[in-house]
Amino acid sequence: MSLRLAFPFALLTASGALAFDDQRVITLSGTEIGEVRTPDVKDEDPASLEIDIFDGGDFIQTLILESDGSVTDCARTLRAAAGTAAPVTVTLTIDMAAQTMNGVMLENCVTSR
């Protein structure tokens, strides 16, 4: 009996079917987005994106994202939505288990109205 259970598991492990998936989704309204920065990181490869988050006009925190891919387009999207009173949201999708050097990739950054 234990041989029958161990054999299929060995096949799954060898085939790579047990890949780890960890995606995070962050949704921000235009009124929650404050200043957006893309500081230069001189000693490391990942790009960095810093977003000041507000709630009802009060500063809450700075969200710092590092990505092995570019963050330039997302920064532009966030800046365009920042402070917008209309029902505008920006949704960020981050792969926390990316097959990259640092294992983090900003996969998607979209605006919806």
N, C-alpha and C. Protein backbone atom coordinates (compact mmCIF):
# COMPACT_ATOMS: atom_id res chain seq x y z
N MET A 1 0.81 -1.19 0.00
CA MET A 1 0.00 0.00 0.00
C MET A 1 0.86 1.27 0.00
N SER A 2 1.88 1.33 0.82
CA SER A 2 2.70 2.53 0.88
C SER A 2 3.48 2.72 -0.42
N LEU A 3 3.82 1.66 -1.12
CA LEU A 3 4.50 1.76 -2.40
C LEU A 3 3.61 2.45 -3.43
N ARG A 4 2.32 2.17 -3.42
CA ARG A 4 1.40 2.79 -4.37
C ARG A 4 1.28 4.29 -4.11
N LEU A 5 1.37 4.73 -2.87
CA LEU A 5 1.29 6.16 -2.56
C LEU A 5 2.60 6.88 -2.88
N ALA A 6 3.71 6.24 -2.63
CA ALA A 6 5.00 6.87 -2.83
C ALA A 6 5.33 7.04 -4.31
N PHE A 7 4.97 6.10 -5.12
CA PHE A 7 5.31 6.16 -6.55
C PHE A 7 4.68 7.37 -7.25
N PRO A 8 3.36 7.60 -7.14
CA PRO A 8 2.78 8.78 -7.80
C PRO A 8 3.37 10.09 -7.29
N PHE A 9 3.68 10.17 -5.98
CA PHE A 9 4.27 11.38 -5.44
C PHE A 9 5.64 11.64 -6.08
N ALA A 10 6.42 10.58 -6.27
CA ALA A 10 7.73 10.72 -6.91
C ALA A 10 7.58 11.24 -8.33
N LEU A 11 6.55 10.81 -9.03
CA LEU A 11 6.33 11.30 -10.39
C LEU A 11 5.97 12.79 -10.40
N LEU A 12 5.13 13.21 -9.46
CA LEU A 12 4.77 14.63 -9.38
C LEU A 12 5.97 15.49 -9.05
N THR A 13 6.80 15.04 -8.14
CA THR A 13 7.97 15.81 -7.75
C THR A 13 8.95 15.94 -8.91
N ALA A 14 9.16 14.87 -9.63
CA ALA A 14 10.09 14.88 -10.75
C ALA A 14 9.58 15.74 -11.90
N SER A 15 8.26 15.85 -12.05
CA SER A 15 7.71 16.60 -13.18
C SER A 15 7.59 18.09 -12.90
N GLY A 16 7.79 18.51 -11.65
CA GLY A 16 7.67 19.92 -11.32
C GLY A 16 6.24 20.38 -11.15
N ALA A 17 5.31 19.46 -10.97
CA ALA A 17 3.90 19.82 -10.86
C ALA A 17 3.56 20.46 -9.53
N LEU A 18 4.45 20.40 -8.56
CA LEU A 18 4.18 20.97 -7.25
C LEU A 18 4.77 22.38 -7.11
N ALA A 19 4.70 23.18 -8.14
CA ALA A 19 5.23 24.54 -8.11
C ALA A 19 4.49 25.38 -7.07
N PHE A 20 5.22 26.27 -6.42
CA PHE A 20 4.67 27.12 -5.37
C PHE A 20 4.12 28.40 -6.01
N ASP A 21 2.90 28.76 -5.66
CA ASP A 21 2.26 29.94 -6.24
C ASP A 21 1.82 30.86 -5.10
N ASP A 22 2.29 32.09 -5.10
CA ASP A 22 1.94 33.04 -4.06
C ASP A 22 1.75 34.41 -4.69
N GLN A 23 0.52 34.72 -5.06
CA GLN A 23 0.22 36.02 -5.65
C GLN A 23 -0.54 36.88 -4.65
N ARG A 24 -0.18 38.15 -4.60
CA ARG A 24 -0.85 39.12 -3.74
C ARG A 24 -1.51 40.15 -4.63
N VAL A 25 -2.72 40.54 -4.26
CA VAL A 25 -3.46 41.57 -5.00
C VAL A 25 -3.73 42.72 -4.05
N ILE A 26 -3.34 43.92 -4.47
CA ILE A 26 -3.57 45.12 -3.68
C ILE A 26 -4.41 46.07 -4.53
N THR A 27 -5.53 46.51 -3.98
CA THR A 27 -6.41 47.44 -4.69
C THR A 27 -6.46 48.75 -3.92
N LEU A 28 -6.14 49.84 -4.62
CA LEU A 28 -6.13 51.17 -4.01
C LEU A 28 -7.06 52.10 -4.77
N SER A 29 -7.85 52.88 -4.04
CA SER A 29 -8.67 53.89 -4.71
C SER A 29 -7.80 55.12 -4.95
N GLY A 30 -8.21 55.96 -5.88
CA GLY A 30 -7.45 57.16 -6.21
C GLY A 30 -7.22 58.06 -5.02
N THR A 31 -8.20 58.15 -4.12
CA THR A 31 -8.06 59.01 -2.95
C THR A 31 -7.10 58.43 -1.90
N GLU A 32 -6.78 57.14 -1.98
CA GLU A 32 -5.84 56.53 -1.05
C GLU A 32 -4.39 56.69 -1.50
N ILE A 33 -4.19 57.03 -2.77
CA ILE A 33 -2.84 57.11 -3.33
C ILE A 33 -2.29 58.51 -3.15
N GLY A 34 -1.14 58.58 -2.49
CA GLY A 34 -0.44 59.86 -2.32
C GLY A 34 0.71 59.94 -3.29
N GLU A 35 1.86 60.32 -2.78
CA GLU A 35 3.05 60.43 -3.62
C GLU A 35 3.54 59.05 -4.04
N VAL A 36 4.00 58.96 -5.29
CA VAL A 36 4.53 57.71 -5.84
C VAL A 36 5.98 57.98 -6.25
N ARG A 37 6.89 57.14 -5.75
CA ARG A 37 8.32 57.34 -6.04
C ARG A 37 8.92 56.05 -6.61
N THR A 38 9.92 56.22 -7.46
CA THR A 38 10.71 55.09 -7.98
C THR A 38 12.18 55.39 -7.72
N PRO A 39 12.63 55.21 -6.48
CA PRO A 39 14.02 55.55 -6.15
C PRO A 39 15.01 54.64 -6.86
N ASP A 40 16.17 55.21 -7.15
CA ASP A 40 17.25 54.41 -7.74
C ASP A 40 17.84 53.51 -6.66
N VAL A 41 17.99 52.24 -6.98
CA VAL A 41 18.63 51.29 -6.08
C VAL A 41 19.96 50.94 -6.72
N LYS A 42 21.05 51.45 -6.13
CA LYS A 42 22.35 51.33 -6.77
C LYS A 42 23.02 49.98 -6.55
N ASP A 43 22.79 49.35 -5.40
CA ASP A 43 23.52 48.14 -5.07
C ASP A 43 22.77 46.85 -5.39
N GLU A 44 21.53 46.96 -5.85
CA GLU A 44 20.73 45.78 -6.12
C GLU A 44 20.04 45.91 -7.47
N ASP A 45 19.61 44.77 -8.00
CA ASP A 45 18.91 44.76 -9.28
C ASP A 45 17.45 45.15 -9.20
N PRO A 46 16.71 44.78 -8.15
CA PRO A 46 15.27 45.02 -8.22
C PRO A 46 14.91 46.49 -8.33
N ALA A 47 13.88 46.75 -9.11
CA ALA A 47 13.33 48.10 -9.17
C ALA A 47 12.49 48.30 -7.91
N SER A 48 12.37 49.53 -7.47
CA SER A 48 11.63 49.81 -6.25
C SER A 48 10.53 50.81 -6.54
N LEU A 49 9.36 50.58 -5.94
CA LEU A 49 8.20 51.44 -6.10
C LEU A 49 7.69 51.76 -4.70
N GLU A 50 7.61 53.04 -4.37
CA GLU A 50 7.13 53.48 -3.06
C GLU A 50 5.85 54.27 -3.25
N ILE A 51 4.81 53.89 -2.49
CA ILE A 51 3.50 54.53 -2.62
C ILE A 51 3.05 54.97 -1.23
N ASP A 52 2.81 56.28 -1.06
CA ASP A 52 2.25 56.78 0.20
C ASP A 52 0.76 56.52 0.18
N ILE A 53 0.26 55.88 1.25
CA ILE A 53 -1.14 55.49 1.35
C ILE A 53 -1.84 56.40 2.36
N PHE A 54 -3.01 56.92 1.98
CA PHE A 54 -3.81 57.78 2.85
C PHE A 54 -5.19 57.17 3.07
N ASP A 55 -5.79 57.52 4.21
CA ASP A 55 -7.16 57.10 4.51
C ASP A 55 -7.91 58.32 5.03
N GLY A 56 -8.85 58.83 4.26
CA GLY A 56 -9.61 59.99 4.68
C GLY A 56 -8.74 61.22 4.87
N GLY A 57 -7.67 61.34 4.12
CA GLY A 57 -6.78 62.48 4.22
C GLY A 57 -5.65 62.30 5.21
N ASP A 58 -5.70 61.24 6.04
CA ASP A 58 -4.66 60.98 7.02
C ASP A 58 -3.65 59.98 6.47
N PHE A 59 -2.35 60.31 6.59
CA PHE A 59 -1.29 59.41 6.14
C PHE A 59 -1.31 58.15 6.99
N ILE A 60 -1.26 56.99 6.33
CA ILE A 60 -1.24 55.72 7.05
C ILE A 60 0.15 55.10 7.00
N GLN A 61 0.65 54.85 5.78
CA GLN A 61 1.93 54.18 5.63
C GLN A 61 2.47 54.34 4.23
N THR A 62 3.72 53.95 4.06
CA THR A 62 4.34 53.89 2.74
C THR A 62 4.46 52.43 2.36
N LEU A 63 3.88 52.08 1.22
CA LEU A 63 3.96 50.73 0.69
C LEU A 63 5.20 50.68 -0.21
N ILE A 64 6.11 49.76 0.08
CA ILE A 64 7.34 49.63 -0.71
C ILE A 64 7.31 48.28 -1.41
N LEU A 65 7.37 48.32 -2.74
CA LEU A 65 7.39 47.10 -3.55
C LEU A 65 8.71 47.04 -4.30
N GLU A 66 9.33 45.88 -4.28
CA GLU A 66 10.49 45.63 -5.11
C GLU A 66 10.09 44.63 -6.17
N SER A 67 10.60 44.81 -7.37
CA SER A 67 10.25 43.89 -8.46
C SER A 67 11.47 43.65 -9.33
N ASP A 68 11.62 42.42 -9.79
CA ASP A 68 12.70 42.10 -10.72
C ASP A 68 12.38 42.61 -12.12
N GLY A 69 11.17 43.11 -12.33
CA GLY A 69 10.78 43.70 -13.61
C GLY A 69 10.63 45.21 -13.44
N SER A 70 10.28 45.87 -14.50
CA SER A 70 10.14 47.33 -14.49
C SER A 70 8.90 47.76 -13.69
N VAL A 71 8.99 48.91 -13.03
CA VAL A 71 7.86 49.48 -12.31
C VAL A 71 7.47 50.84 -12.90
N THR A 72 8.11 51.25 -13.97
CA THR A 72 7.90 52.58 -14.56
C THR A 72 6.47 52.80 -15.01
N ASP A 73 5.90 51.86 -15.76
CA ASP A 73 4.52 52.02 -16.25
C ASP A 73 3.52 52.04 -15.10
N CYS A 74 3.77 51.22 -14.09
CA CYS A 74 2.87 51.18 -12.94
C CYS A 74 2.94 52.50 -12.16
N ALA A 75 4.13 53.05 -12.02
CA ALA A 75 4.28 54.35 -11.34
C ALA A 75 3.49 55.41 -12.08
N ARG A 76 3.55 55.39 -13.40
CA ARG A 76 2.80 56.35 -14.22
C ARG A 76 1.28 56.17 -14.01
N THR A 77 0.82 54.92 -13.97
CA THR A 77 -0.59 54.63 -13.74
C THR A 77 -1.03 55.12 -12.37
N LEU A 78 -0.23 54.85 -11.35
CA LEU A 78 -0.56 55.29 -9.99
C LEU A 78 -0.59 56.81 -9.88
N ARG A 79 0.38 57.48 -10.50
CA ARG A 79 0.41 58.96 -10.44
C ARG A 79 -0.81 59.56 -11.12
N ALA A 80 -1.26 58.96 -12.21
CA ALA A 80 -2.45 59.48 -12.91
C ALA A 80 -3.71 59.31 -12.06
N ALA A 81 -3.76 58.26 -11.25
CA ALA A 81 -4.95 58.00 -10.43
C ALA A 81 -4.89 58.71 -9.08
N ALA A 82 -3.70 59.12 -8.64
CA ALA A 82 -3.52 59.69 -7.31
C ALA A 82 -4.41 60.91 -7.07
N GLY A 83 -5.13 60.86 -5.96
CA GLY A 83 -5.96 61.99 -5.56
C GLY A 83 -7.26 62.14 -6.32
N THR A 84 -7.53 61.24 -7.25
CA THR A 84 -8.74 61.33 -8.06
C THR A 84 -9.95 60.99 -7.20
N ALA A 85 -10.91 61.92 -7.15
CA ALA A 85 -12.11 61.72 -6.33
C ALA A 85 -13.12 60.80 -7.01
N ALA A 86 -13.07 60.73 -8.33
CA ALA A 86 -13.99 59.85 -9.06
C ALA A 86 -13.71 58.41 -8.66
N PRO A 87 -14.64 57.51 -8.88
CA PRO A 87 -14.40 56.11 -8.48
C PRO A 87 -13.33 55.45 -9.36
N VAL A 88 -12.08 55.75 -9.07
CA VAL A 88 -10.94 55.17 -9.80
C VAL A 88 -10.18 54.27 -8.84
N THR A 89 -9.86 53.06 -9.28
CA THR A 89 -9.03 52.16 -8.48
C THR A 89 -7.86 51.65 -9.32
N VAL A 90 -6.78 51.35 -8.65
CA VAL A 90 -5.62 50.72 -9.29
C VAL A 90 -5.41 49.39 -8.58
N THR A 91 -5.31 48.34 -9.36
CA THR A 91 -5.10 47.00 -8.81
C THR A 91 -3.70 46.53 -9.20
N LEU A 92 -2.91 46.17 -8.18
CA LEU A 92 -1.56 45.67 -8.38
C LEU A 92 -1.57 44.17 -8.09
N THR A 93 -0.97 43.39 -8.98
CA THR A 93 -0.82 41.95 -8.77
C THR A 93 0.68 41.66 -8.66
N ILE A 94 1.07 41.07 -7.53
CA ILE A 94 2.47 40.81 -7.26
C ILE A 94 2.67 39.31 -7.10
N ASP A 95 3.63 38.75 -7.84
CA ASP A 95 3.98 37.34 -7.72
C ASP A 95 5.12 37.24 -6.71
N MET A 96 4.82 36.70 -5.53
CA MET A 96 5.80 36.60 -4.45
C MET A 96 6.66 35.34 -4.55
N ALA A 97 6.43 34.53 -5.59
CA ALA A 97 7.21 33.31 -5.80
C ALA A 97 7.67 33.23 -7.25
N ALA A 98 8.02 34.37 -7.81
CA ALA A 98 8.43 34.42 -9.22
C ALA A 98 9.75 33.68 -9.42
N GLN A 99 9.92 33.13 -10.59
CA GLN A 99 11.15 32.43 -10.93
C GLN A 99 12.18 33.45 -11.43
N THR A 100 12.54 34.37 -10.54
CA THR A 100 13.50 35.42 -10.85
C THR A 100 14.57 35.45 -9.75
N MET A 101 15.55 36.32 -9.89
CA MET A 101 16.65 36.38 -8.94
C MET A 101 16.18 36.60 -7.50
N ASN A 102 15.28 37.55 -7.29
CA ASN A 102 14.82 37.86 -5.94
C ASN A 102 13.47 37.24 -5.61
N GLY A 103 12.82 36.63 -6.58
CA GLY A 103 11.57 35.94 -6.33
C GLY A 103 10.34 36.82 -6.22
N VAL A 104 10.45 38.08 -6.64
CA VAL A 104 9.30 38.99 -6.57
C VAL A 104 9.15 39.70 -7.91
N MET A 105 7.91 39.71 -8.44
CA MET A 105 7.67 40.37 -9.72
C MET A 105 6.32 41.08 -9.68
N LEU A 106 6.32 42.35 -10.03
CA LEU A 106 5.08 43.10 -10.19
C LEU A 106 4.51 42.66 -11.53
N GLU A 107 3.44 41.87 -11.50
CA GLU A 107 2.92 41.25 -12.71
C GLU A 107 1.92 42.13 -13.46
N ASN A 108 1.12 42.88 -12.70
CA ASN A 108 0.04 43.63 -13.34
C ASN A 108 -0.25 44.88 -12.53
N CYS A 109 -0.63 45.93 -13.23
CA CYS A 109 -0.98 47.20 -12.61
C CYS A 109 -2.01 47.86 -13.51
N VAL A 110 -3.27 47.77 -13.13
CA VAL A 110 -4.35 48.26 -14.02
C VAL A 110 -5.27 49.22 -13.29
N THR A 111 -5.83 50.13 -14.07
CA THR A 111 -6.78 51.10 -13.56
C THR A 111 -8.18 50.68 -13.98
N SER A 112 -9.13 50.87 -13.09
CA SER A 112 -10.53 50.66 -13.44
C SER A 112 -11.35 51.84 -12.94
N ARG A 113 -12.38 52.16 -13.68
CA ARG A 113 -13.24 53.29 -13.32
C ARG A 113 -14.64 52.82 -13.09
